[in-house]
Amino acid sequence: MKDGYIAVMNCKGCGMCRGVCENNALIFEGERVVRIDYDKCTLCMKCVEACKNGALIYVD
C-alpha cells in the first residue's frame, strides 16, 4: 500500500508537468491538471518536481 498521495491545488495550466508521468496518471481538463489517477500513480514524484507553481504537492 502507498504511503500518501499527490494533491492537485489550483493548477495554472503552465504545462510543466505534462509528459513527465510515465504512467499517464495525471488527468487533464484542457491545460490544467484536475486530478490524479491513483490506480496508475506510483508516487515517483516527477510531476511534483516539475510543478514550479506548487499546484502538485505530496501529502503523507
N, C-alpha and C. Protein backbone atom coordinates (compact mmCIF):
# COMPACT_ATOMS: atom_id res chain seq x y z
N MET A 1 0.84 -1.19 0.00
CA MET A 1 0.00 0.00 0.00
C MET A 1 0.87 1.24 0.00
N LYS A 2 0.42 2.27 -0.70
CA LYS A 2 1.17 3.51 -0.81
C LYS A 2 1.00 4.35 0.45
N ASP A 3 2.05 5.06 0.81
CA ASP A 3 2.01 5.96 1.95
C ASP A 3 1.88 7.39 1.45
N GLY A 4 0.69 7.90 1.39
CA GLY A 4 0.48 9.27 0.96
C GLY A 4 -0.12 9.36 -0.42
N TYR A 5 -0.22 10.59 -0.90
CA TYR A 5 -0.81 10.85 -2.21
C TYR A 5 -0.36 12.20 -2.71
N ILE A 6 -0.63 12.48 -3.96
CA ILE A 6 -0.30 13.77 -4.56
C ILE A 6 -1.61 14.54 -4.72
N ALA A 7 -1.64 15.73 -4.15
CA ALA A 7 -2.83 16.57 -4.21
C ALA A 7 -2.67 17.61 -5.32
N VAL A 8 -3.78 17.94 -5.97
CA VAL A 8 -3.80 18.97 -7.01
C VAL A 8 -4.47 20.20 -6.41
N MET A 9 -3.72 21.30 -6.38
CA MET A 9 -4.22 22.53 -5.78
C MET A 9 -4.07 23.71 -6.74
N ASN A 10 -5.14 24.14 -7.35
CA ASN A 10 -5.15 25.34 -8.18
C ASN A 10 -4.12 25.33 -9.31
N CYS A 11 -4.16 24.32 -10.14
CA CYS A 11 -3.28 24.24 -11.29
C CYS A 11 -3.50 25.45 -12.19
N LYS A 12 -2.39 26.05 -12.64
CA LYS A 12 -2.45 27.23 -13.50
C LYS A 12 -2.33 26.88 -14.99
N GLY A 13 -2.14 25.60 -15.30
CA GLY A 13 -2.07 25.17 -16.69
C GLY A 13 -0.80 25.55 -17.41
N CYS A 14 0.32 25.63 -16.69
CA CYS A 14 1.59 26.03 -17.31
C CYS A 14 2.16 24.94 -18.22
N GLY A 15 1.78 23.67 -17.96
CA GLY A 15 2.23 22.58 -18.81
C GLY A 15 3.56 21.95 -18.44
N MET A 16 4.18 22.41 -17.36
CA MET A 16 5.49 21.87 -16.97
C MET A 16 5.42 20.39 -16.60
N CYS A 17 4.29 19.94 -16.10
CA CYS A 17 4.16 18.54 -15.69
C CYS A 17 3.72 17.63 -16.83
N ARG A 18 3.20 18.21 -17.88
CA ARG A 18 2.68 17.40 -18.99
C ARG A 18 3.81 16.57 -19.59
N GLY A 19 3.60 15.28 -19.66
CA GLY A 19 4.58 14.39 -20.26
C GLY A 19 5.61 13.80 -19.32
N VAL A 20 5.69 14.28 -18.06
CA VAL A 20 6.70 13.72 -17.16
C VAL A 20 6.24 12.43 -16.49
N CYS A 21 4.93 12.21 -16.42
CA CYS A 21 4.41 11.00 -15.79
C CYS A 21 4.45 9.85 -16.79
N GLU A 22 5.28 8.86 -16.50
CA GLU A 22 5.43 7.72 -17.39
C GLU A 22 4.23 6.79 -17.37
N ASN A 23 3.36 6.95 -16.37
CA ASN A 23 2.18 6.08 -16.23
C ASN A 23 0.88 6.77 -16.64
N ASN A 24 0.98 7.99 -17.15
CA ASN A 24 -0.20 8.77 -17.56
C ASN A 24 -1.23 8.86 -16.44
N ALA A 25 -0.77 9.15 -15.23
CA ALA A 25 -1.65 9.24 -14.08
C ALA A 25 -2.25 10.64 -13.89
N LEU A 26 -1.72 11.62 -14.61
CA LEU A 26 -2.27 12.98 -14.50
C LEU A 26 -3.49 13.10 -15.41
N ILE A 27 -4.59 13.55 -14.84
CA ILE A 27 -5.82 13.73 -15.60
C ILE A 27 -5.99 15.23 -15.86
N PHE A 28 -6.04 15.59 -17.13
CA PHE A 28 -6.14 16.98 -17.53
C PHE A 28 -7.55 17.33 -18.00
N GLU A 29 -7.91 18.58 -17.78
CA GLU A 29 -9.10 19.18 -18.37
C GLU A 29 -8.57 20.40 -19.10
N GLY A 30 -8.46 20.30 -20.41
CA GLY A 30 -7.78 21.35 -21.16
C GLY A 30 -6.30 21.32 -20.82
N GLU A 31 -5.76 22.43 -20.36
CA GLU A 31 -4.34 22.51 -19.99
C GLU A 31 -4.10 22.24 -18.51
N ARG A 32 -5.14 22.18 -17.72
CA ARG A 32 -4.99 22.07 -16.27
C ARG A 32 -5.13 20.64 -15.76
N VAL A 33 -4.28 20.30 -14.79
CA VAL A 33 -4.41 19.02 -14.10
C VAL A 33 -5.58 19.16 -13.14
N VAL A 34 -6.51 18.22 -13.21
CA VAL A 34 -7.67 18.29 -12.32
C VAL A 34 -7.66 17.19 -11.26
N ARG A 35 -6.97 16.08 -11.55
CA ARG A 35 -6.88 15.03 -10.55
C ARG A 35 -5.78 14.04 -10.94
N ILE A 36 -5.51 13.12 -10.04
CA ILE A 36 -4.52 12.07 -10.23
C ILE A 36 -5.26 10.73 -10.27
N ASP A 37 -4.91 9.87 -11.21
CA ASP A 37 -5.45 8.52 -11.25
C ASP A 37 -4.57 7.66 -10.34
N TYR A 38 -5.03 7.41 -9.12
CA TYR A 38 -4.21 6.72 -8.13
C TYR A 38 -4.02 5.25 -8.44
N ASP A 39 -4.81 4.69 -9.35
CA ASP A 39 -4.57 3.31 -9.78
C ASP A 39 -3.31 3.23 -10.64
N LYS A 40 -2.95 4.34 -11.28
CA LYS A 40 -1.76 4.40 -12.14
C LYS A 40 -0.55 5.05 -11.45
N CYS A 41 -0.80 5.91 -10.49
CA CYS A 41 0.27 6.68 -9.84
C CYS A 41 1.15 5.78 -8.99
N THR A 42 2.48 5.91 -9.16
CA THR A 42 3.45 5.15 -8.37
C THR A 42 4.16 6.03 -7.34
N LEU A 43 3.74 7.27 -7.22
CA LEU A 43 4.36 8.24 -6.32
C LEU A 43 5.83 8.47 -6.64
N CYS A 44 6.17 8.49 -7.92
CA CYS A 44 7.55 8.73 -8.33
C CYS A 44 7.97 10.18 -8.09
N MET A 45 7.01 11.08 -7.96
CA MET A 45 7.20 12.50 -7.65
C MET A 45 7.71 13.34 -8.82
N LYS A 46 7.78 12.78 -10.01
CA LYS A 46 8.24 13.56 -11.16
C LYS A 46 7.34 14.75 -11.43
N CYS A 47 6.05 14.57 -11.26
CA CYS A 47 5.11 15.68 -11.51
C CYS A 47 5.27 16.76 -10.45
N VAL A 48 5.48 16.35 -9.20
CA VAL A 48 5.67 17.31 -8.11
C VAL A 48 6.94 18.13 -8.36
N GLU A 49 8.00 17.46 -8.78
CA GLU A 49 9.26 18.15 -9.06
C GLU A 49 9.13 19.09 -10.26
N ALA A 50 8.33 18.71 -11.25
CA ALA A 50 8.18 19.52 -12.45
C ALA A 50 7.29 20.74 -12.22
N CYS A 51 6.40 20.66 -11.24
CA CYS A 51 5.45 21.75 -11.00
C CYS A 51 6.13 22.90 -10.26
N LYS A 52 6.34 23.99 -10.96
CA LYS A 52 7.02 25.16 -10.38
C LYS A 52 6.04 26.11 -9.68
N ASN A 53 4.73 25.82 -9.79
CA ASN A 53 3.72 26.67 -9.17
C ASN A 53 3.22 26.13 -7.85
N GLY A 54 3.68 24.94 -7.45
CA GLY A 54 3.23 24.35 -6.20
C GLY A 54 1.82 23.82 -6.24
N ALA A 55 1.32 23.54 -7.45
CA ALA A 55 -0.04 23.03 -7.60
C ALA A 55 -0.13 21.54 -7.33
N LEU A 56 0.98 20.82 -7.51
CA LEU A 56 1.04 19.39 -7.23
C LEU A 56 1.91 19.21 -6.00
N ILE A 57 1.32 18.70 -4.94
CA ILE A 57 2.06 18.55 -3.70
C ILE A 57 1.88 17.14 -3.14
N TYR A 58 2.93 16.64 -2.51
CA TYR A 58 2.86 15.34 -1.86
C TYR A 58 2.33 15.52 -0.45
N VAL A 59 1.35 14.70 -0.09
CA VAL A 59 0.77 14.73 1.25
C VAL A 59 0.94 13.34 1.84
N ASP A 60 1.57 13.27 3.01
CA ASP A 60 1.71 11.92 3.60
C ASP A 60 0.83 11.76 4.81
